């Protein structure tokens, strides 16, 4: 951690000394749309944007990896539940949460 903090300090000082006036790309605002895909820790993130002539975002569609595997997650939980109906409710809850976290460790706490 100490090494990390020292490296961040060195990099921050370098950035402060840089002339940032030439680093921004020249652009003009115009209407359009674009799509992208990015590999992320739990799969592929797809995102689509529409922008109006003033540069305001008018439409967005983001498809997270979590949304892409929800059908599989539901099927696995259904299968597990059908095999383990005799277990008590607390044990069922714990096991279902475990299966859910196996797909996505953030899903039990996060919202999208």
PDB file of N, CA and C in Angstrom:
ATOM      1  N   UNK A   1       0.826  -1.192   0.000  1.00  0.00           N
ATOM      2  CA  UNK A   1       0.000   0.000   0.000  1.00  0.00           C
ATOM      3  C   UNK A   1       0.869   1.255   0.000  1.00  0.00           C
ATOM      4  N   UNK A   2       1.953   1.227   0.740  1.00  0.00           N
ATOM      5  CA  UNK A   2       2.832   2.397   0.789  1.00  0.00           C
ATOM      6  C   UNK A   2       3.412   2.657  -0.592  1.00  0.00           C
ATOM      7  N   UNK A   3       3.834   1.590  -1.275  1.00  0.00           N
ATOM      8  CA  UNK A   3       4.387   1.740  -2.619  1.00  0.00           C
ATOM      9  C   UNK A   3       3.333   2.344  -3.559  1.00  0.00           C
ATOM     10  N   UNK A   4       2.090   1.858  -3.454  1.00  0.00           N
ATOM     11  CA  UNK A   4       1.012   2.370  -4.291  1.00  0.00           C
ATOM     12  C   UNK A   4       0.807   3.865  -4.060  1.00  0.00           C
ATOM     13  N   UNK A   5       0.745   4.273  -2.812  1.00  0.00           N
ATOM     14  CA  UNK A   5       0.531   5.687  -2.484  1.00  0.00           C
ATOM     15  C   UNK A   5       1.692   6.537  -3.008  1.00  0.00           C
ATOM     16  N   UNK A   6       2.910   6.047  -2.882  1.00  0.00           N
ATOM     17  CA  UNK A   6       4.070   6.793  -3.392  1.00  0.00           C
ATOM     18  C   UNK A   6       4.011   6.928  -4.911  1.00  0.00           C
ATOM     19  N   UNK A   7       3.614   5.870  -5.616  1.00  0.00           N
ATOM     20  CA  UNK A   7       3.510   5.922  -7.076  1.00  0.00           C
ATOM     21  C   UNK A   7       2.402   6.884  -7.509  1.00  0.00           C
ATOM     22  N   UNK A   8       1.275   6.862  -6.806  1.00  0.00           N
ATOM     23  CA  UNK A   8       0.183   7.785  -7.126  1.00  0.00           C
ATOM     24  C   UNK A   8       0.647   9.234  -6.941  1.00  0.00           C
ATOM     25  N   UNK A   9       1.392   9.495  -5.904  1.00  0.00           N
ATOM     26  CA  UNK A   9       1.900  10.842  -5.658  1.00  0.00           C
ATOM     27  C   UNK A   9       2.810  11.286  -6.804  1.00  0.00           C
ATOM     28  N   UNK A  10       3.706  10.412  -7.236  1.00  0.00           N
ATOM     29  CA  UNK A  10       4.618  10.733  -8.343  1.00  0.00           C
ATOM     30  C   UNK A  10       3.821  11.021  -9.621  1.00  0.00           C
ATOM     31  N   UNK A  11       2.853  10.161  -9.934  1.00  0.00           N
ATOM     32  CA  UNK A  11       2.050  10.354 -11.146  1.00  0.00           C
ATOM     33  C   UNK A  11       1.207  11.622 -11.069  1.00  0.00           C
ATOM     34  N   UNK A  12       0.644  11.912  -9.904  1.00  0.00           N
ATOM     35  CA  UNK A  12      -0.170  13.116  -9.741  1.00  0.00           C
ATOM     36  C   UNK A  12       0.677  14.371  -9.939  1.00  0.00           C
ATOM     37  N   UNK A  13       1.879  14.360  -9.396  1.00  0.00           N
ATOM     38  CA  UNK A  13       2.762  15.514  -9.575  1.00  0.00           C
ATOM     39  C   UNK A  13       3.144  15.690 -11.042  1.00  0.00           C
ATOM     40  N   UNK A  14       3.371  14.596 -11.753  1.00  0.00           N
ATOM     41  CA  UNK A  14       3.659  14.689 -13.190  1.00  0.00           C
ATOM     42  C   UNK A  14       2.486  15.303 -13.940  1.00  0.00           C
ATOM     43  N   UNK A  15       1.272  14.862 -13.607  1.00  0.00           N
ATOM     44  CA  UNK A  15       0.089  15.399 -14.270  1.00  0.00           C
ATOM     45  C   UNK A  15      -0.083  16.886 -13.998  1.00  0.00           C
ATOM     46  N   UNK A  16       0.195  17.315 -12.776  1.00  0.00           N
ATOM     47  CA  UNK A  16       0.058  18.727 -12.437  1.00  0.00           C
ATOM     48  C   UNK A  16       1.038  19.597 -13.219  1.00  0.00           C
ATOM     49  N   UNK A  17       2.189  19.051 -13.574  1.00  0.00           N
ATOM     50  CA  UNK A  17       3.199  19.800 -14.320  1.00  0.00           C
ATOM     51  C   UNK A  17       2.939  19.818 -15.823  1.00  0.00           C
ATOM     52  N   UNK A  18       2.056  18.932 -16.302  1.00  0.00           N
ATOM     53  CA  UNK A  18       1.796  18.831 -17.745  1.00  0.00           C
ATOM     54  C   UNK A  18       0.946  19.992 -18.234  1.00  0.00           C
ATOM     55  N   UNK A  19       1.179  20.382 -19.483  1.00  0.00           N
ATOM     56  CA  UNK A  19       0.340  21.373 -20.154  1.00  0.00           C
ATOM     57  C   UNK A  19      -0.852  20.619 -20.726  1.00  0.00           C
ATOM     58  N   UNK A  20      -2.002  20.751 -20.107  1.00  0.00           N
ATOM     59  CA  UNK A  20      -3.179  19.994 -20.504  1.00  0.00           C
ATOM     60  C   UNK A  20      -3.990  20.704 -21.591  1.00  0.00           C
ATOM     61  N   UNK A  21      -3.572  21.883 -22.019  1.00  0.00           N
ATOM     62  CA  UNK A  21      -4.368  22.646 -22.982  1.00  0.00           C
ATOM     63  C   UNK A  21      -4.456  21.969 -24.341  1.00  0.00           C
ATOM     64  N   UNK A  22      -3.501  21.136 -24.703  1.00  0.00           N
ATOM     65  CA  UNK A  22      -3.514  20.473 -26.003  1.00  0.00           C
ATOM     66  C   UNK A  22      -4.014  19.028 -25.938  1.00  0.00           C
ATOM     67  N   UNK A  23      -4.475  18.582 -24.792  1.00  0.00           N
ATOM     68  CA  UNK A  23      -4.851  17.173 -24.657  1.00  0.00           C
ATOM     69  C   UNK A  23      -6.297  16.881 -25.049  1.00  0.00           C
ATOM     70  N   UNK A  24      -7.146  17.916 -25.093  1.00  0.00           N
ATOM     71  CA  UNK A  24      -8.535  17.692 -25.461  1.00  0.00           C
ATOM     72  C   UNK A  24      -8.680  17.637 -26.977  1.00  0.00           C
ATOM     73  N   UNK A  25      -9.443  16.669 -27.449  1.00  0.00           N
ATOM     74  CA  UNK A  25      -9.681  16.553 -28.883  1.00  0.00           C
ATOM     75  C   UNK A  25     -10.643  17.646 -29.325  1.00  0.00           C
ATOM     76  N   UNK A  26     -10.442  18.176 -30.520  1.00  0.00           N
ATOM     77  CA  UNK A  26     -11.356  19.164 -31.085  1.00  0.00           C
ATOM     78  C   UNK A  26     -12.615  18.431 -31.550  1.00  0.00           C
ATOM     79  N   UNK A  27     -13.767  18.989 -31.243  1.00  0.00           N
ATOM     80  CA  UNK A  27     -15.014  18.355 -31.645  1.00  0.00           C
ATOM     81  C   UNK A  27     -16.087  19.410 -31.816  1.00  0.00           C
ATOM     82  N   UNK A  28     -17.129  19.040 -32.552  1.00  0.00           N
ATOM     83  CA  UNK A  28     -18.308  19.879 -32.650  1.00  0.00           C
ATOM     84  C   UNK A  28     -19.515  19.037 -32.262  1.00  0.00           C
ATOM     85  N   UNK A  29     -20.452  19.667 -31.584  1.00  0.00           N
ATOM     86  CA  UNK A  29     -21.643  18.953 -31.139  1.00  0.00           C
ATOM     87  C   UNK A  29     -22.557  18.753 -32.336  1.00  0.00           C
ATOM     88  N   UNK A  30     -23.005  17.518 -32.514  1.00  0.00           N
ATOM     89  CA  UNK A  30     -23.964  17.214 -33.570  1.00  0.00           C
ATOM     90  C   UNK A  30     -24.781  15.997 -33.154  1.00  0.00           C
ATOM     91  N   UNK A  31     -25.931  15.848 -33.763  1.00  0.00           N
ATOM     92  CA  UNK A  31     -26.808  14.718 -33.456  1.00  0.00           C
ATOM     93  C   UNK A  31     -26.193  13.427 -33.988  1.00  0.00           C
ATOM     94  N   UNK A  32     -26.471  12.345 -33.293  1.00  0.00           N
ATOM     95  CA  UNK A  32     -25.972  11.061 -33.763  1.00  0.00           C
ATOM     96  C   UNK A  32     -26.266   9.962 -32.768  1.00  0.00           C
ATOM     97  N   UNK A  33     -25.743   8.784 -33.057  1.00  0.00           N
ATOM     98  CA  UNK A  33     -25.905   7.663 -32.146  1.00  0.00           C
ATOM     99  C   UNK A  33     -24.659   6.795 -32.213  1.00  0.00           C
ATOM    100  N   UNK A  34     -24.507   5.983 -31.216  1.00  0.00           N
ATOM    101  CA  UNK A  34     -23.344   5.114 -31.171  1.00  0.00           C
ATOM    102  C   UNK A  34     -23.578   3.926 -30.262  1.00  0.00           C
ATOM    103  N   UNK A  35     -22.845   2.881 -30.549  1.00  0.00           N
ATOM    104  CA  UNK A  35     -22.969   1.653 -29.771  1.00  0.00           C
ATOM    105  C   UNK A  35     -21.569   1.174 -29.415  1.00  0.00           C
ATOM    106  N   UNK A  36     -21.457   0.523 -28.288  1.00  0.00           N
ATOM    107  CA  UNK A  36     -20.165   0.001 -27.874  1.00  0.00           C
ATOM    108  C   UNK A  36     -20.326  -1.292 -27.099  1.00  0.00           C
ATOM    109  N   UNK A  37     -19.255  -2.021 -27.048  1.00  0.00           N
ATOM    110  CA  UNK A  37     -19.204  -3.247 -26.252  1.00  0.00           C
ATOM    111  C   UNK A  37     -17.871  -3.263 -25.534  1.00  0.00           C
ATOM    112  N   UNK A  38     -17.889  -3.677 -24.308  1.00  0.00           N
ATOM    113  CA  UNK A  38     -16.690  -3.649 -23.481  1.00  0.00           C
ATOM    114  C   UNK A  38     -16.650  -4.897 -22.618  1.00  0.00           C
ATOM    115  N   UNK A  39     -15.536  -5.587 -22.620  1.00  0.00           N
ATOM    116  CA  UNK A  39     -15.364  -6.764 -21.763  1.00  0.00           C
ATOM    117  C   UNK A  39     -15.157  -6.283 -20.333  1.00  0.00           C
ATOM    118  N   UNK A  40     -15.984  -6.795 -19.429  1.00  0.00           N
ATOM    119  CA  UNK A  40     -15.907  -6.428 -18.020  1.00  0.00           C
ATOM    120  C   UNK A  40     -15.773  -7.704 -17.187  1.00  0.00           C
ATOM    121  N   UNK A  41     -15.510  -7.591 -15.891  1.00  0.00           N
ATOM    122  CA  UNK A  41     -15.208  -8.797 -15.106  1.00  0.00           C
ATOM    123  C   UNK A  41     -16.208  -9.945 -15.197  1.00  0.00           C
ATOM    124  N   UNK A  42     -17.495  -9.675 -15.358  1.00  0.00           N
ATOM    125  CA  UNK A  42     -18.462 -10.773 -15.371  1.00  0.00           C
ATOM    126  C   UNK A  42     -19.085 -11.004 -16.734  1.00  0.00           C
ATOM    127  N   UNK A  43     -18.520 -10.463 -17.803  1.00  0.00           N
ATOM    128  CA  UNK A  43     -19.071 -10.675 -19.138  1.00  0.00           C
ATOM    129  C   UNK A  43     -18.845  -9.472 -20.035  1.00  0.00           C
ATOM    130  N   UNK A  44     -19.787  -9.221 -20.914  1.00  0.00           N
ATOM    131  CA  UNK A  44     -19.669  -8.106 -21.857  1.00  0.00           C
ATOM    132  C   UNK A  44     -20.755  -7.079 -21.569  1.00  0.00           C
ATOM    133  N   UNK A  45     -20.347  -5.822 -21.513  1.00  0.00           N
ATOM    134  CA  UNK A  45     -21.267  -4.707 -21.307  1.00  0.00           C
ATOM    135  C   UNK A  45     -21.548  -4.092 -22.673  1.00  0.00           C
ATOM    136  N   UNK A  46     -22.823  -4.020 -23.050  1.00  0.00           N
ATOM    137  CA  UNK A  46     -23.223  -3.385 -24.302  1.00  0.00           C
ATOM    138  C   UNK A  46     -23.913  -2.069 -23.958  1.00  0.00           C
ATOM    139  N   UNK A  47     -23.607  -1.017 -24.716  1.00  0.00           N
ATOM    140  CA  UNK A  47     -24.262   0.260 -24.453  1.00  0.00           C
ATOM    141  C   UNK A  47     -24.509   1.002 -25.756  1.00  0.00           C
ATOM    142  N   UNK A  48     -25.663   1.684 -25.816  1.00  0.00           N
ATOM    143  CA  UNK A  48     -26.108   2.413 -26.992  1.00  0.00           C
ATOM    144  C   UNK A  48     -26.600   3.787 -26.551  1.00  0.00           C
ATOM    145  N   UNK A  49     -26.245   4.824 -27.322  1.00  0.00           N
ATOM    146  CA  UNK A  49     -26.627   6.189 -26.977  1.00  0.00           C
ATOM    147  C   UNK A  49     -27.130   6.930 -28.215  1.00  0.00           C
ATOM    148  N   UNK A  50     -28.130   7.786 -28.026  1.00  0.00           N
ATOM    149  CA  UNK A  50     -28.587   8.718 -29.046  1.00  0.00           C
ATOM    150  C   UNK A  50     -28.419  10.123 -28.474  1.00  0.00           C
ATOM    151  N   UNK A  51     -27.880  11.022 -29.295  1.00  0.00           N
ATOM    152  CA  UNK A  51     -27.603  12.393 -28.857  1.00  0.00           C
ATOM    153  C   UNK A  51     -28.282  13.351 -29.837  1.00  0.00           C
ATOM    154  N   UNK A  52     -28.923  14.400 -29.299  1.00  0.00           N
ATOM    155  CA  UNK A  52     -29.587  15.366 -30.178  1.00  0.00           C
ATOM    156  C   UNK A  52     -28.597  16.432 -30.640  1.00  0.00           C
ATOM    157  N   UNK A  53     -29.090  17.375 -31.445  1.00  0.00           N
ATOM    158  CA  UNK A  53     -28.221  18.394 -32.041  1.00  0.00           C
ATOM    159  C   UNK A  53     -27.627  19.361 -31.023  1.00  0.00           C
ATOM    160  N   UNK A  54     -28.164  19.370 -29.802  1.00  0.00           N
ATOM    161  CA  UNK A  54     -27.619  20.215 -28.737  1.00  0.00           C
ATOM    162  C   UNK A  54     -26.599  19.473 -27.873  1.00  0.00           C
ATOM    163  N   UNK A  55     -26.410  18.181 -28.159  1.00  0.00           N
ATOM    164  CA  UNK A  55     -25.460  17.394 -27.382  1.00  0.00           C
ATOM    165  C   UNK A  55     -26.071  16.695 -26.183  1.00  0.00           C
ATOM    166  N   UNK A  56     -27.380  16.733 -26.070  1.00  0.00           N
ATOM    167  CA  UNK A  56     -28.048  16.068 -24.950  1.00  0.00           C
ATOM    168  C   UNK A  56     -28.348  14.617 -25.309  1.00  0.00           C
ATOM    169  N   UNK A  57     -28.160  13.740 -24.349  1.00  0.00           N
ATOM    170  CA  UNK A  57     -28.478  12.330 -24.553  1.00  0.00           C
ATOM    171  C   UNK A  57     -29.993  12.180 -24.489  1.00  0.00           C
ATOM    172  N   UNK A  58     -30.573  11.616 -25.551  1.00  0.00           N
ATOM    173  CA  UNK A  58     -32.032  11.465 -25.620  1.00  0.00           C
ATOM    174  C   UNK A  58     -32.482  10.018 -25.418  1.00  0.00           C
ATOM    175  N   UNK A  59     -31.577   9.075 -25.599  1.00  0.00           N
ATOM    176  CA  UNK A  59     -31.938   7.667 -25.434  1.00  0.00           C
ATOM    177  C   UNK A  59     -30.685   6.884 -25.074  1.00  0.00           C
ATOM    178  N   UNK A  60     -30.828   5.976 -24.124  1.00  0.00           N
ATOM    179  CA  UNK A  60     -29.714   5.129 -23.701  1.00  0.00           C
ATOM    180  C   UNK A  60     -30.244   3.723 -23.468  1.00  0.00           C
ATOM    181  N   UNK A  61     -29.473   2.741 -23.869  1.00  0.00           N
ATOM    182  CA  UNK A  61     -29.794   1.356 -23.546  1.00  0.00           C
ATOM    183  C   UNK A  61     -28.498   0.688 -23.104  1.00  0.00           C
ATOM    184  N   UNK A  62     -28.460   0.256 -21.880  1.00  0.00           N
ATOM    185  CA  UNK A  62     -27.280  -0.409 -21.323  1.00  0.00           C
ATOM    186  C   UNK A  62     -27.683  -1.829 -20.952  1.00  0.00           C
ATOM    187  N   UNK A  63     -26.963  -2.790 -21.514  1.00  0.00           N
ATOM    188  CA  UNK A  63     -27.236  -4.195 -21.209  1.00  0.00           C
ATOM    189  C   UNK A  63     -26.034  -4.732 -20.438  1.00  0.00           C
ATOM    190  N   UNK A  64     -26.239  -4.947 -19.155  1.00  0.00           N
ATOM    191  CA  UNK A  64     -25.162  -5.407 -18.285  1.00  0.00           C
ATOM    192  C   UNK A  64     -24.999  -6.921 -18.386  1.00  0.00           C
ATOM    193  N   UNK A  65     -23.826  -7.439 -18.026  1.00  0.00           N
ATOM    194  CA  UNK A  65     -23.658  -8.893 -17.993  1.00  0.00           C
ATOM    195  C   UNK A  65     -24.690  -9.565 -17.083  1.00  0.00           C
ATOM    196  N   UNK A  66     -25.031  -8.920 -15.987  1.00  0.00           N
ATOM    197  CA  UNK A  66     -26.020  -9.480 -15.065  1.00  0.00           C
ATOM    198  C   UNK A  66     -27.338  -9.723 -15.786  1.00  0.00           C
ATOM    199  N   UNK A  67     -27.789  -8.759 -16.575  1.00  0.00           N
ATOM    200  CA  UNK A  67     -29.056  -8.916 -17.297  1.00  0.00           C
ATOM    201  C   UNK A  67     -28.982 -10.048 -18.314  1.00  0.00           C
ATOM    202  N   UNK A  68     -27.802 -10.304 -18.854  1.00  0.00           N
ATOM    203  CA  UNK A  68     -27.651 -11.328 -19.878  1.00  0.00           C
ATOM    204  C   UNK A  68     -27.749 -12.744 -19.324  1.00  0.00           C
ATOM    205  N   UNK A  69     -27.398 -12.935 -18.060  1.00  0.00           N
ATOM    206  CA  UNK A  69     -27.434 -14.303 -17.527  1.00  0.00           C
ATOM    207  C   UNK A  69     -28.553 -14.541 -16.513  1.00  0.00           C
ATOM    208  N   UNK A  70     -29.482 -13.613 -16.392  1.00  0.00           N
ATOM    209  CA  UNK A  70     -30.560 -13.794 -15.418  1.00  0.00           C
ATOM    210  C   UNK A  70     -31.414 -15.022 -15.721  1.00  0.00           C
ATOM    211  N   UNK A  71     -31.646 -15.332 -17.004  1.00  0.00           N
ATOM    212  CA  UNK A  71     -32.429 -16.531 -17.336  1.00  0.00           C
ATOM    213  C   UNK A  71     -31.732 -17.791 -16.839  1.00  0.00           C
ATOM    214  N   UNK A  72     -30.415 -17.872 -17.033  1.00  0.00           N
ATOM    215  CA  UNK A  72     -29.663 -19.040 -16.551  1.00  0.00           C
ATOM    216  C   UNK A  72     -29.689 -19.107 -15.027  1.00  0.00           C
ATOM    217  N   UNK A  73     -29.540 -17.962 -14.392  1.00  0.00           N
ATOM    218  CA  UNK A  73     -29.572 -17.922 -12.928  1.00  0.00           C
ATOM    219  C   UNK A  73     -30.919 -18.424 -12.422  1.00  0.00           C
ATOM    220  N   UNK A  74     -31.997 -17.939 -13.013  1.00  0.00           N
ATOM    221  CA  UNK A  74     -33.331 -18.375 -12.597  1.00  0.00           C
ATOM    222  C   UNK A  74     -33.508 -19.881 -12.811  1.00  0.00           C
ATOM    223  N   UNK A  75     -33.029 -20.389 -13.933  1.00  0.00           N
ATOM    224  CA  UNK A  75     -33.142 -21.827 -14.213  1.00  0.00           C
ATOM    225  C   UNK A  75     -32.350 -22.650 -13.196  1.00  0.00           C
ATOM    226  N   UNK A  76     -31.145 -22.198 -12.859  1.00  0.00           N
ATOM    227  CA  UNK A  76     -30.330 -22.928 -11.882  1.00  0.00           C
ATOM    228  C   UNK A  76     -30.957 -22.912 -10.494  1.00  0.00           C
ATOM    229  N   UNK A  77     -31.499 -21.772 -10.098  1.00  0.00           N
ATOM    230  CA  UNK A  77     -32.153 -21.693  -8.783  1.00  0.00           C
ATOM    231  C   UNK A  77     -33.395 -22.586  -8.762  1.00  0.00           C
ATOM    232  N   UNK A  78     -34.180 -22.581  -9.837  1.00  0.00           N
ATOM    233  CA  UNK A  78     -35.367 -23.441  -9.921  1.00  0.00           C
ATOM    234  C   UNK A  78     -34.966 -24.911  -9.818  1.00  0.00           C
ATOM    235  N   UNK A  79     -33.931 -25.298 -10.544  1.00  0.00           N
ATOM    236  CA  UNK A  79     -33.447 -26.681 -10.505  1.00  0.00           C
ATOM    237  C   UNK A  79     -32.990 -27.045  -9.089  1.00  0.00           C
ATOM    238  N   UNK A  80     -32.185 -26.170  -8.491  1.00  0.00           N
ATOM    239  CA  UNK A  80     -31.700 -26.440  -7.131  1.00  0.00           C
ATOM    240  C   UNK A  80     -32.879 -26.561  -6.169  1.00  0.00           C
ATOM    241  N   UNK A  81     -33.828 -25.623  -6.275  1.00  0.00           N
ATOM    242  CA  UNK A  81     -34.968 -25.628  -5.357  1.00  0.00           C
ATOM    243  C   UNK A  81     -35.787 -26.912  -5.494  1.00  0.00           C
ATOM    244  N   UNK A  82     -35.995 -27.343  -6.729  1.00  0.00           N
ATOM    245  CA  UNK A  82     -36.771 -28.573  -6.945  1.00  0.00           C
ATOM    246  C   UNK A  82     -36.078 -29.793  -6.344  1.00  0.00           C
ATOM    247  N   UNK A  83     -34.755 -29.757  -6.267  1.00  0.00           N
ATOM    248  CA  UNK A  83     -34.001 -30.863  -5.679  1.00  0.00           C
ATOM    249  C   UNK A  83     -33.884 -30.756  -4.154  1.00  0.00           C
ATOM    250  N   UNK A  84     -34.205 -29.585  -3.592  1.00  0.00           N
ATOM    251  CA  UNK A  84     -33.949 -29.350  -2.167  1.00  0.00           C
ATOM    252  C   UNK A  84     -35.148 -28.766  -1.431  1.00  0.00           C
ATOM    253  N   UNK A  85     -36.341 -29.141  -1.802  1.00  0.00           N
ATOM    254  CA  UNK A  85     -37.556 -28.619  -1.165  1.00  0.00           C
ATOM    255  C   UNK A  85     -37.648 -28.986   0.308  1.00  0.00           C
ATOM    256  N   UNK A  86     -37.029 -30.085   0.692  1.00  0.00           N
ATOM    257  CA  UNK A  86     -37.135 -30.566   2.077  1.00  0.00           C
ATOM    258  C   UNK A  86     -36.310 -29.735   3.054  1.00  0.00           C
ATOM    259  N   UNK A  87     -35.355 -28.961   2.547  1.00  0.00           N
ATOM    260  CA  UNK A  87     -34.513 -28.167   3.458  1.00  0.00           C
ATOM    261  C   UNK A  87     -35.336 -27.050   4.092  1.00  0.00           C
ATOM    262  N   UNK A  88     -34.896 -26.623   5.294  1.00  0.00           N
ATOM    263  CA  UNK A  88     -35.631 -25.546   5.963  1.00  0.00           C
ATOM    264  C   UNK A  88     -35.434 -24.223   5.212  1.00  0.00           C
ATOM    265  N   UNK A  89     -36.310 -23.285   5.490  1.00  0.00           N
ATOM    266  CA  UNK A  89     -36.343 -22.009   4.765  1.00  0.00           C
ATOM    267  C   UNK A  89     -35.016 -21.262   4.861  1.00  0.00           C
ATOM    268  N   UNK A  90     -34.423 -21.201   6.038  1.00  0.00           N
ATOM    269  CA  UNK A  90     -33.162 -20.467   6.199  1.00  0.00           C
ATOM    270  C   UNK A  90     -32.046 -21.086   5.361  1.00  0.00           C
ATOM    271  N   UNK A  91     -31.975 -22.414   5.345  1.00  0.00           N
ATOM    272  CA  UNK A  91     -30.958 -23.093   4.539  1.00  0.00           C
ATOM    273  C   UNK A  91     -31.220 -22.860   3.050  1.00  0.00           C
ATOM    274  N   UNK A  92     -32.472 -22.856   2.657  1.00  0.00           N
ATOM    275  CA  UNK A  92     -32.814 -22.566   1.260  1.00  0.00           C
ATOM    276  C   UNK A  92     -32.362 -21.156   0.876  1.00  0.00           C
ATOM    277  N   UNK A  93     -32.659 -20.184   1.760  1.00  0.00           N
ATOM    278  CA  UNK A  93     -32.258 -18.796   1.490  1.00  0.00           C
ATOM    279  C   UNK A  93     -30.747 -18.680   1.333  1.00  0.00           C
ATOM    280  N   UNK A  94     -30.006 -19.313   2.229  1.00  0.00           N
ATOM    281  CA  UNK A  94     -28.545 -19.258   2.177  1.00  0.00           C
ATOM    282  C   UNK A  94     -28.010 -19.877   0.887  1.00  0.00           C
ATOM    283  N   UNK A  95     -28.548 -21.015   0.500  1.00  0.00           N
ATOM    284  CA  UNK A  95     -28.082 -21.685  -0.711  1.00  0.00           C
ATOM    285  C   UNK A  95     -28.456 -20.917  -1.974  1.00  0.00           C
ATOM    286  N   UNK A  96     -29.645 -20.352  -1.998  1.00  0.00           N
ATOM    287  CA  UNK A  96     -30.050 -19.555  -3.161  1.00  0.00           C
ATOM    288  C   UNK A  96     -29.180 -18.304  -3.263  1.00  0.00           C
ATOM    289  N   UNK A  97     -28.879 -17.675  -2.148  1.00  0.00           N
ATOM    290  CA  UNK A  97     -27.974 -16.518  -2.163  1.00  0.00           C
ATOM    291  C   UNK A  97     -26.584 -16.933  -2.643  1.00  0.00           C
ATOM    292  N   UNK A  98     -26.125 -18.101  -2.253  1.00  0.00           N
ATOM    293  CA  UNK A  98     -24.824 -18.600  -2.685  1.00  0.00           C
ATOM    294  C   UNK A  98     -24.799 -18.818  -4.204  1.00  0.00           C
ATOM    295  N   UNK A  99     -25.850 -19.417  -4.745  1.00  0.00           N
ATOM    296  CA  UNK A  99     -25.932 -19.626  -6.195  1.00  0.00           C
ATOM    297  C   UNK A  99     -25.934 -18.279  -6.914  1.00  0.00           C
ATOM    298  N   UNK A 100     -26.688 -17.330  -6.376  1.00  0.00           N
ATOM    299  CA  UNK A 100     -26.771 -15.995  -6.980  1.00  0.00           C
ATOM    300  C   UNK A 100     -25.406 -15.328  -6.998  1.00  0.00           C
ATOM    301  N   UNK A 101     -24.681 -15.386  -5.879  1.00  0.00           N
ATOM    302  CA  UNK A 101     -23.347 -14.768  -5.815  1.00  0.00           C
ATOM    303  C   UNK A 101     -22.341 -15.475  -6.704  1.00  0.00           C
ATOM    304  N   UNK A 102     -22.569 -16.755  -6.991  1.00  0.00           N
ATOM    305  CA  UNK A 102     -21.674 -17.476  -7.904  1.00  0.00           C
ATOM    306  C   UNK A 102     -21.764 -16.888  -9.315  1.00  0.00           C
ATOM    307  N   UNK A 103     -22.929 -16.409  -9.683  1.00  0.00           N
ATOM    308  CA  UNK A 103     -23.090 -15.747 -10.980  1.00  0.00           C
ATOM    309  C   UNK A 103     -22.520 -14.336 -10.951  1.00  0.00           C
ATOM    310  N   UNK A 104     -22.834 -13.611  -9.903  1.00  0.00           N
ATOM    311  CA  UNK A 104     -22.424 -12.201  -9.804  1.00  0.00           C
ATOM    312  C   UNK A 104     -22.338 -11.832  -8.331  1.00  0.00           C
ATOM    313  N   UNK A 105     -21.133 -11.645  -7.804  1.00  0.00           N
ATOM    314  CA  UNK A 105     -21.002 -11.364  -6.364  1.00  0.00           C
ATOM    315  C   UNK A 105     -21.644 -10.044  -5.946  1.00  0.00           C
ATOM    316  N   UNK A 106     -21.909  -9.165  -6.879  1.00  0.00           N
ATOM    317  CA  UNK A 106     -22.502  -7.866  -6.531  1.00  0.00           C
ATOM    318  C   UNK A 106     -24.020  -7.860  -6.573  1.00  0.00           C
ATOM    319  N   UNK A 107     -24.619  -8.860  -7.190  1.00  0.00           N
ATOM    320  CA  UNK A 107     -26.057  -8.818  -7.453  1.00  0.00           C
ATOM    321  C   UNK A 107     -26.901  -8.806  -6.194  1.00  0.00           C
ATOM    322  N   UNK A 108     -26.451  -9.407  -5.116  1.00  0.00           N
ATOM    323  CA  UNK A 108     -27.280  -9.455  -3.910  1.00  0.00           C
ATOM    324  C   UNK A 108     -27.344  -8.109  -3.199  1.00  0.00           C
ATOM    325  N   UNK A 109     -26.447  -7.175  -3.531  1.00  0.00           N
ATOM    326  CA  UNK A 109     -26.447  -5.857  -2.877  1.00  0.00           C
ATOM    327  C   UNK A 109     -26.752  -4.721  -3.847  1.00  0.00           C
ATOM    328  N   UNK A 110     -26.548  -4.946  -5.134  1.00  0.00           N
ATOM    329  CA  UNK A 110     -26.607  -3.852  -6.098  1.00  0.00           C
ATOM    330  C   UNK A 110     -27.927  -3.810  -6.847  1.00  0.00           C
ATOM    331  N   UNK A 111     -28.206  -2.654  -7.402  1.00  0.00           N
ATOM    332  CA  UNK A 111     -29.341  -2.506  -8.316  1.00  0.00           C
ATOM    333  C   UNK A 111     -28.816  -1.914  -9.600  1.00  0.00           C
ATOM    334  N   UNK A 112     -29.508  -2.167 -10.682  1.00  0.00           N
ATOM    335  CA  UNK A 112     -29.054  -1.660 -11.992  1.00  0.00           C
ATOM    336  C   UNK A 112     -30.119  -0.758 -12.572  1.00  0.00           C
TER     337      UNK A 112
END
